[in-house]
Amino acid sequence: MTKADIKSLYKVMFTEYPDVVNVQQLSEMLGGISDKTIYRLLKSEKIKSLYVGKRYLIPKPYVIDYLTHSDAEKSLA
């Protein structure tokens, strides 16, 4: 997937969320999966994120990047 493709998806997907989301918002974006699963995905770097202070911050393009790769379904299983 090219940067242009990701930019196009970014404009359409998740418009109700801020540009950088927290763990709870990411859980909602991924269909309500548990915080434990979210932390596992973040710590394993399957979803890229920024760790600031004691919080994970996840830019929306990283969420879209994760969702557009074929191993996303395997990670959620």
PDB file of N, CA and C in Angstrom:
ATOM      1  N   MET A   1       0.851  -1.175   0.000  1.00  0.00           N
ATOM      2  CA  MET A   1       0.000   0.000   0.000  1.00  0.00           C
ATOM      3  C   MET A   1       0.898   1.239   0.000  1.00  0.00           C
ATOM      4  N   THR A   2       0.576   2.163  -0.863  1.00  0.00           N
ATOM      5  CA  THR A   2       1.378   3.374  -0.979  1.00  0.00           C
ATOM      6  C   THR A   2       0.919   4.425   0.029  1.00  0.00           C
ATOM      7  N   LYS A   3       1.755   5.435   0.199  1.00  0.00           N
ATOM      8  CA  LYS A   3       1.391   6.536   1.097  1.00  0.00           C
ATOM      9  C   LYS A   3       0.117   7.226   0.622  1.00  0.00           C
ATOM     10  N   ALA A   4      -0.037   7.350  -0.672  1.00  0.00           N
ATOM     11  CA  ALA A   4      -1.231   7.990  -1.234  1.00  0.00           C
ATOM     12  C   ALA A   4      -2.488   7.195  -0.893  1.00  0.00           C
ATOM     13  N   ASP A   5      -2.384   5.864  -0.953  1.00  0.00           N
ATOM     14  CA  ASP A   5      -3.523   5.012  -0.602  1.00  0.00           C
ATOM     15  C   ASP A   5      -3.898   5.199   0.866  1.00  0.00           C
ATOM     16  N   ILE A   6      -2.900   5.224   1.725  1.00  0.00           N
ATOM     17  CA  ILE A   6      -3.150   5.394   3.155  1.00  0.00           C
ATOM     18  C   ILE A   6      -3.774   6.758   3.433  1.00  0.00           C
ATOM     19  N   LYS A   7      -3.273   7.782   2.746  1.00  0.00           N
ATOM     20  CA  LYS A   7      -3.857   9.121   2.913  1.00  0.00           C
ATOM     21  C   LYS A   7      -5.319   9.131   2.515  1.00  0.00           C
ATOM     22  N   SER A   8      -5.654   8.446   1.430  1.00  0.00           N
ATOM     23  CA  SER A   8      -7.049   8.382   0.974  1.00  0.00           C
ATOM     24  C   SER A   8      -7.918   7.691   2.008  1.00  0.00           C
ATOM     25  N   LEU A   9      -7.439   6.582   2.542  1.00  0.00           N
ATOM     26  CA  LEU A   9      -8.188   5.866   3.578  1.00  0.00           C
ATOM     27  C   LEU A   9      -8.343   6.717   4.830  1.00  0.00           C
ATOM     28  N   TYR A  10      -7.287   7.428   5.174  1.00  0.00           N
ATOM     29  CA  TYR A  10      -7.276   8.270   6.370  1.00  0.00           C
ATOM     30  C   TYR A  10      -8.392   9.302   6.318  1.00  0.00           C
ATOM     31  N   LYS A  11      -8.662   9.835   5.137  1.00  0.00           N
ATOM     32  CA  LYS A  11      -9.698  10.862   4.990  1.00  0.00           C
ATOM     33  C   LYS A  11     -11.100  10.291   5.175  1.00  0.00           C
ATOM     34  N   VAL A  12     -11.245   8.991   4.901  1.00  0.00           N
ATOM     35  CA  VAL A  12     -12.562   8.372   4.936  1.00  0.00           C
ATOM     36  C   VAL A  12     -12.830   7.624   6.241  1.00  0.00           C
ATOM     37  N   MET A  13     -11.823   6.932   6.743  1.00  0.00           N
ATOM     38  CA  MET A  13     -12.012   6.072   7.916  1.00  0.00           C
ATOM     39  C   MET A  13     -11.868   6.845   9.227  1.00  0.00           C
ATOM     40  N   PHE A  14     -12.663   6.491  10.181  1.00  0.00           N
ATOM     41  CA  PHE A  14     -12.528   6.973  11.551  1.00  0.00           C
ATOM     42  C   PHE A  14     -12.558   8.502  11.681  1.00  0.00           C
ATOM     43  N   THR A  15     -13.401   9.154  10.910  1.00  0.00           N
ATOM     44  CA  THR A  15     -13.451  10.619  10.950  1.00  0.00           C
ATOM     45  C   THR A  15     -13.934  11.152  12.295  1.00  0.00           C
ATOM     46  N   GLU A  16     -14.638  10.320  13.064  1.00  0.00           N
ATOM     47  CA  GLU A  16     -15.149  10.783  14.355  1.00  0.00           C
ATOM     48  C   GLU A  16     -14.103  10.748  15.467  1.00  0.00           C
ATOM     49  N   TYR A  17     -12.931  10.192  15.168  1.00  0.00           N
ATOM     50  CA  TYR A  17     -11.850  10.102  16.159  1.00  0.00           C
ATOM     51  C   TYR A  17     -10.798  11.180  15.919  1.00  0.00           C
ATOM     52  N   PRO A  18     -10.090  11.592  16.980  1.00  0.00           N
ATOM     53  CA  PRO A  18      -9.007  12.572  16.799  1.00  0.00           C
ATOM     54  C   PRO A  18      -7.849  11.965  16.011  1.00  0.00           C
ATOM     55  N   ASP A  19      -6.925  12.791  15.571  1.00  0.00           N
ATOM     56  CA  ASP A  19      -5.789  12.320  14.768  1.00  0.00           C
ATOM     57  C   ASP A  19      -4.880  11.360  15.522  1.00  0.00           C
ATOM     58  N   VAL A  20      -4.818  11.513  16.831  1.00  0.00           N
ATOM     59  CA  VAL A  20      -4.027  10.618  17.676  1.00  0.00           C
ATOM     60  C   VAL A  20      -4.964  10.079  18.746  1.00  0.00           C
ATOM     61  N   VAL A  21      -5.092   8.754  18.823  1.00  0.00           N
ATOM     62  CA  VAL A  21      -6.047   8.142  19.744  1.00  0.00           C
ATOM     63  C   VAL A  21      -5.343   7.467  20.919  1.00  0.00           C
ATOM     64  N   ASN A  22      -6.115   7.201  21.964  1.00  0.00           N
ATOM     65  CA  ASN A  22      -5.584   6.486  23.122  1.00  0.00           C
ATOM     66  C   ASN A  22      -6.041   5.023  23.052  1.00  0.00           C
ATOM     67  N   VAL A  23      -5.702   4.258  24.069  1.00  0.00           N
ATOM     68  CA  VAL A  23      -6.002   2.829  24.081  1.00  0.00           C
ATOM     69  C   VAL A  23      -7.508   2.573  24.024  1.00  0.00           C
ATOM     70  N   GLN A  24      -8.290   3.313  24.784  1.00  0.00           N
ATOM     71  CA  GLN A  24      -9.733   3.100  24.794  1.00  0.00           C
ATOM     72  C   GLN A  24     -10.353   3.405  23.426  1.00  0.00           C
ATOM     73  N   GLN A  25      -9.913   4.483  22.799  1.00  0.00           N
ATOM     74  CA  GLN A  25     -10.431   4.824  21.474  1.00  0.00           C
ATOM     75  C   GLN A  25     -10.007   3.772  20.446  1.00  0.00           C
ATOM     76  N   LEU A  26      -8.784   3.287  20.551  1.00  0.00           N
ATOM     77  CA  LEU A  26      -8.314   2.248  19.634  1.00  0.00           C
ATOM     78  C   LEU A  26      -9.152   0.991  19.792  1.00  0.00           C
ATOM     79  N   SER A  27      -9.504   0.655  21.017  1.00  0.00           N
ATOM     80  CA  SER A  27     -10.360  -0.499  21.257  1.00  0.00           C
ATOM     81  C   SER A  27     -11.692  -0.343  20.528  1.00  0.00           C
ATOM     82  N   GLU A  28     -12.286   0.827  20.605  1.00  0.00           N
ATOM     83  CA  GLU A  28     -13.538   1.100  19.890  1.00  0.00           C
ATOM     84  C   GLU A  28     -13.346   0.970  18.386  1.00  0.00           C
ATOM     85  N   MET A  29     -12.251   1.513  17.884  1.00  0.00           N
ATOM     86  CA  MET A  29     -11.985   1.495  16.444  1.00  0.00           C
ATOM     87  C   MET A  29     -11.838   0.071  15.922  1.00  0.00           C
ATOM     88  N   LEU A  30     -11.357  -0.824  16.770  1.00  0.00           N
ATOM     89  CA  LEU A  30     -11.130  -2.217  16.367  1.00  0.00           C
ATOM     90  C   LEU A  30     -12.274  -3.126  16.796  1.00  0.00           C
ATOM     91  N   GLY A  31     -13.425  -2.557  17.010  1.00  0.00           N
ATOM     92  CA  GLY A  31     -14.608  -3.359  17.270  1.00  0.00           C
ATOM     93  C   GLY A  31     -14.810  -3.769  18.712  1.00  0.00           C
ATOM     94  N   GLY A  32     -14.199  -3.050  19.634  1.00  0.00           N
ATOM     95  CA  GLY A  32     -14.424  -3.326  21.044  1.00  0.00           C
ATOM     96  C   GLY A  32     -13.566  -4.430  21.629  1.00  0.00           C
ATOM     97  N   ILE A  33     -12.416  -4.712  21.010  1.00  0.00           N
ATOM     98  CA  ILE A  33     -11.547  -5.731  21.592  1.00  0.00           C
ATOM     99  C   ILE A  33     -11.006  -5.239  22.928  1.00  0.00           C
ATOM    100  N   SER A  34     -10.587  -6.153  23.760  1.00  0.00           N
ATOM    101  CA  SER A  34     -10.204  -5.804  25.131  1.00  0.00           C
ATOM    102  C   SER A  34      -8.938  -4.956  25.190  1.00  0.00           C
ATOM    103  N   ASP A  35      -8.821  -4.206  26.277  1.00  0.00           N
ATOM    104  CA  ASP A  35      -7.613  -3.410  26.502  1.00  0.00           C
ATOM    105  C   ASP A  35      -6.378  -4.309  26.571  1.00  0.00           C
ATOM    106  N   LYS A  36      -6.545  -5.488  27.154  1.00  0.00           N
ATOM    107  CA  LYS A  36      -5.430  -6.439  27.258  1.00  0.00           C
ATOM    108  C   LYS A  36      -4.896  -6.793  25.862  1.00  0.00           C
ATOM    109  N   THR A  37      -5.804  -7.036  24.931  1.00  0.00           N
ATOM    110  CA  THR A  37      -5.395  -7.348  23.557  1.00  0.00           C
ATOM    111  C   THR A  37      -4.748  -6.134  22.902  1.00  0.00           C
ATOM    112  N   ILE A  38      -5.287  -4.952  23.145  1.00  0.00           N
ATOM    113  CA  ILE A  38      -4.710  -3.725  22.600  1.00  0.00           C
ATOM    114  C   ILE A  38      -3.277  -3.563  23.090  1.00  0.00           C
ATOM    115  N   TYR A  39      -3.065  -3.716  24.399  1.00  0.00           N
ATOM    116  CA  TYR A  39      -1.710  -3.573  24.951  1.00  0.00           C
ATOM    117  C   TYR A  39      -0.759  -4.617  24.353  1.00  0.00           C
ATOM    118  N   ARG A  40      -1.266  -5.830  24.118  1.00  0.00           N
ATOM    119  CA  ARG A  40      -0.434  -6.874  23.501  1.00  0.00           C
ATOM    120  C   ARG A  40      -0.022  -6.468  22.087  1.00  0.00           C
ATOM    121  N   LEU A  41      -0.950  -5.915  21.332  1.00  0.00           N
ATOM    122  CA  LEU A  41      -0.649  -5.472  19.972  1.00  0.00           C
ATOM    123  C   LEU A  41       0.342  -4.302  19.969  1.00  0.00           C
ATOM    124  N   LEU A  42       0.201  -3.406  20.933  1.00  0.00           N
ATOM    125  CA  LEU A  42       1.099  -2.252  21.011  1.00  0.00           C
ATOM    126  C   LEU A  42       2.500  -2.669  21.467  1.00  0.00           C
ATOM    127  N   LYS A  43       2.575  -3.512  22.488  1.00  0.00           N
ATOM    128  CA  LYS A  43       3.877  -3.935  23.003  1.00  0.00           C
ATOM    129  C   LYS A  43       4.650  -4.774  21.994  1.00  0.00           C
ATOM    130  N   SER A  44       3.935  -5.559  21.197  1.00  0.00           N
ATOM    131  CA  SER A  44       4.592  -6.379  20.174  1.00  0.00           C
ATOM    132  C   SER A  44       4.877  -5.579  18.900  1.00  0.00           C
ATOM    133  N   GLU A  45       4.448  -4.323  18.897  1.00  0.00           N
ATOM    134  CA  GLU A  45       4.626  -3.402  17.775  1.00  0.00           C
ATOM    135  C   GLU A  45       3.913  -3.847  16.507  1.00  0.00           C
ATOM    136  N   LYS A  46       2.855  -4.656  16.667  1.00  0.00           N
ATOM    137  CA  LYS A  46       2.016  -4.984  15.513  1.00  0.00           C
ATOM    138  C   LYS A  46       1.223  -3.746  15.105  1.00  0.00           C
ATOM    139  N   ILE A  47       0.906  -2.912  16.110  1.00  0.00           N
ATOM    140  CA  ILE A  47       0.362  -1.584  15.852  1.00  0.00           C
ATOM    141  C   ILE A  47       1.411  -0.613  16.358  1.00  0.00           C
ATOM    142  N   LYS A  48       1.920   0.200  15.466  1.00  0.00           N
ATOM    143  CA  LYS A  48       2.929   1.187  15.860  1.00  0.00           C
ATOM    144  C   LYS A  48       2.277   2.231  16.759  1.00  0.00           C
ATOM    145  N   SER A  49       3.067   2.773  17.672  1.00  0.00           N
ATOM    146  CA  SER A  49       2.531   3.771  18.596  1.00  0.00           C
ATOM    147  C   SER A  49       3.666   4.609  19.165  1.00  0.00           C
ATOM    148  N   LEU A  50       3.282   5.622  19.893  1.00  0.00           N
ATOM    149  CA  LEU A  50       4.222   6.455  20.626  1.00  0.00           C
ATOM    150  C   LEU A  50       3.944   6.229  22.100  1.00  0.00           C
ATOM    151  N   TYR A  51       4.974   6.091  22.894  1.00  0.00           N
ATOM    152  CA  TYR A  51       4.799   5.931  24.337  1.00  0.00           C
ATOM    153  C   TYR A  51       5.282   7.215  24.983  1.00  0.00           C
ATOM    154  N   VAL A  52       4.338   7.995  25.498  1.00  0.00           N
ATOM    155  CA  VAL A  52       4.644   9.305  26.056  1.00  0.00           C
ATOM    156  C   VAL A  52       4.225   9.311  27.529  1.00  0.00           C
ATOM    157  N   GLY A  53       5.188   9.556  28.400  1.00  0.00           N
ATOM    158  CA  GLY A  53       4.880   9.486  29.827  1.00  0.00           C
ATOM    159  C   GLY A  53       4.529   8.062  30.188  1.00  0.00           C
ATOM    160  N   LYS A  54       3.301   7.864  30.595  1.00  0.00           N
ATOM    161  CA  LYS A  54       2.819   6.519  30.913  1.00  0.00           C
ATOM    162  C   LYS A  54       1.658   6.116  30.009  1.00  0.00           C
ATOM    163  N   ARG A  55       1.589   6.739  28.833  1.00  0.00           N
ATOM    164  CA  ARG A  55       0.457   6.498  27.934  1.00  0.00           C
ATOM    165  C   ARG A  55       0.921   6.126  26.537  1.00  0.00           C
ATOM    166  N   TYR A  56       0.139   5.251  25.920  1.00  0.00           N
ATOM    167  CA  TYR A  56       0.326   4.975  24.502  1.00  0.00           C
ATOM    168  C   TYR A  56      -0.524   5.962  23.720  1.00  0.00           C
ATOM    169  N   LEU A  57       0.058   6.551  22.696  1.00  0.00           N
ATOM    170  CA  LEU A  57      -0.659   7.413  21.766  1.00  0.00           C
ATOM    171  C   LEU A  57      -0.486   6.801  20.383  1.00  0.00           C
ATOM    172  N   ILE A  58      -1.585   6.666  19.667  1.00  0.00           N
ATOM    173  CA  ILE A  58      -1.564   5.963  18.393  1.00  0.00           C
ATOM    174  C   ILE A  58      -2.123   6.876  17.304  1.00  0.00           C
ATOM    175  N   PRO A  59      -1.248   7.348  16.386  1.00  0.00           N
ATOM    176  CA  PRO A  59      -1.745   8.142  15.255  1.00  0.00           C
ATOM    177  C   PRO A  59      -2.647   7.281  14.356  1.00  0.00           C
ATOM    178  N   LYS A  60      -3.716   7.857  13.850  1.00  0.00           N
ATOM    179  CA  LYS A  60      -4.657   7.108  13.018  1.00  0.00           C
ATOM    180  C   LYS A  60      -4.011   6.425  11.814  1.00  0.00           C
ATOM    181  N   PRO A  61      -3.023   7.035  11.153  1.00  0.00           N
ATOM    182  CA  PRO A  61      -2.413   6.300  10.026  1.00  0.00           C
ATOM    183  C   PRO A  61      -1.801   4.963  10.448  1.00  0.00           C
ATOM    184  N   TYR A  62      -1.335   4.855  11.700  1.00  0.00           N
ATOM    185  CA  TYR A  62      -0.793   3.580  12.179  1.00  0.00           C
ATOM    186  C   TYR A  62      -1.907   2.541  12.324  1.00  0.00           C
ATOM    187  N   VAL A  63      -3.085   2.978  12.726  1.00  0.00           N
ATOM    188  CA  VAL A  63      -4.230   2.072  12.843  1.00  0.00           C
ATOM    189  C   VAL A  63      -4.622   1.579  11.456  1.00  0.00           C
ATOM    190  N   ILE A  64      -4.701   2.494  10.516  1.00  0.00           N
ATOM    191  CA  ILE A  64      -5.072   2.134   9.147  1.00  0.00           C
ATOM    192  C   ILE A  64      -4.025   1.213   8.542  1.00  0.00           C
ATOM    193  N   ASP A  65      -2.764   1.488   8.798  1.00  0.00           N
ATOM    194  CA  ASP A  65      -1.691   0.630   8.307  1.00  0.00           C
ATOM    195  C   ASP A  65      -1.849  -0.788   8.855  1.00  0.00           C
ATOM    196  N   TYR A  66      -2.136  -0.899  10.126  1.00  0.00           N
ATOM    197  CA  TYR A  66      -2.348  -2.213  10.743  1.00  0.00           C
ATOM    198  C   TYR A  66      -3.528  -2.932  10.099  1.00  0.00           C
ATOM    199  N   LEU A  67      -4.615  -2.234   9.908  1.00  0.00           N
ATOM    200  CA  LEU A  67      -5.822  -2.848   9.357  1.00  0.00           C
ATOM    201  C   LEU A  67      -5.682  -3.258   7.898  1.00  0.00           C
ATOM    202  N   THR A  68      -4.798  -2.615   7.176  1.00  0.00           N
ATOM    203  CA  THR A  68      -4.657  -2.918   5.757  1.00  0.00           C
ATOM    204  C   THR A  68      -3.632  -4.016   5.478  1.00  0.00           C
ATOM    205  N   HIS A  69      -2.988  -4.525   6.505  1.00  0.00           N
ATOM    206  CA  HIS A  69      -2.040  -5.629   6.313  1.00  0.00           C
ATOM    207  C   HIS A  69      -2.727  -6.948   6.623  1.00  0.00           C
ATOM    208  N   SER A  70      -2.356  -7.981   5.907  1.00  0.00           N
ATOM    209  CA  SER A  70      -3.048  -9.264   5.982  1.00  0.00           C
ATOM    210  C   SER A  70      -2.956  -9.950   7.334  1.00  0.00           C
ATOM    211  N   ASP A  71      -1.941  -9.617   8.153  1.00  0.00           N
ATOM    212  CA  ASP A  71      -1.799 -10.318   9.434  1.00  0.00           C
ATOM    213  C   ASP A  71      -2.667  -9.725  10.544  1.00  0.00           C
ATOM    214  N   ALA A  72      -3.468  -8.713  10.247  1.00  0.00           N
ATOM    215  CA  ALA A  72      -4.315  -8.092  11.265  1.00  0.00           C
ATOM    216  C   ALA A  72      -5.302  -9.102  11.846  1.00  0.00           C
ATOM    217  N   GLU A  73      -5.914  -9.935  10.999  1.00  0.00           N
ATOM    218  CA  GLU A  73      -6.874 -10.914  11.486  1.00  0.00           C
ATOM    219  C   GLU A  73      -6.221 -11.933  12.400  1.00  0.00           C
ATOM    220  N   LYS A  74      -5.008 -12.356  12.078  1.00  0.00           N
ATOM    221  CA  LYS A  74      -4.296 -13.330  12.898  1.00  0.00           C
ATOM    222  C   LYS A  74      -3.980 -12.748  14.272  1.00  0.00           C
ATOM    223  N   SER A  75      -3.652 -11.449  14.344  1.00  0.00           N
ATOM    224  CA  SER A  75      -3.309 -10.805  15.613  1.00  0.00           C
ATOM    225  C   SER A  75      -4.493 -10.731  16.554  1.00  0.00           C
ATOM    226  N   LEU A  76      -5.683 -10.595  15.999  1.00  0.00           N
ATOM    227  CA  LEU A  76      -6.877 -10.452  16.822  1.00  0.00           C
ATOM    228  C   LEU A  76      -7.421 -11.795  17.277  1.00  0.00           C
ATOM    229  N   ALA A  77      -6.961 -12.872  16.685  1.00  0.00           N
ATOM    230  CA  ALA A  77      -7.467 -14.218  17.038  1.00  0.00           C
ATOM    231  C   ALA A  77      -6.977 -14.678  18.370  1.00  0.00           C
TER     232      ALA A  77
END
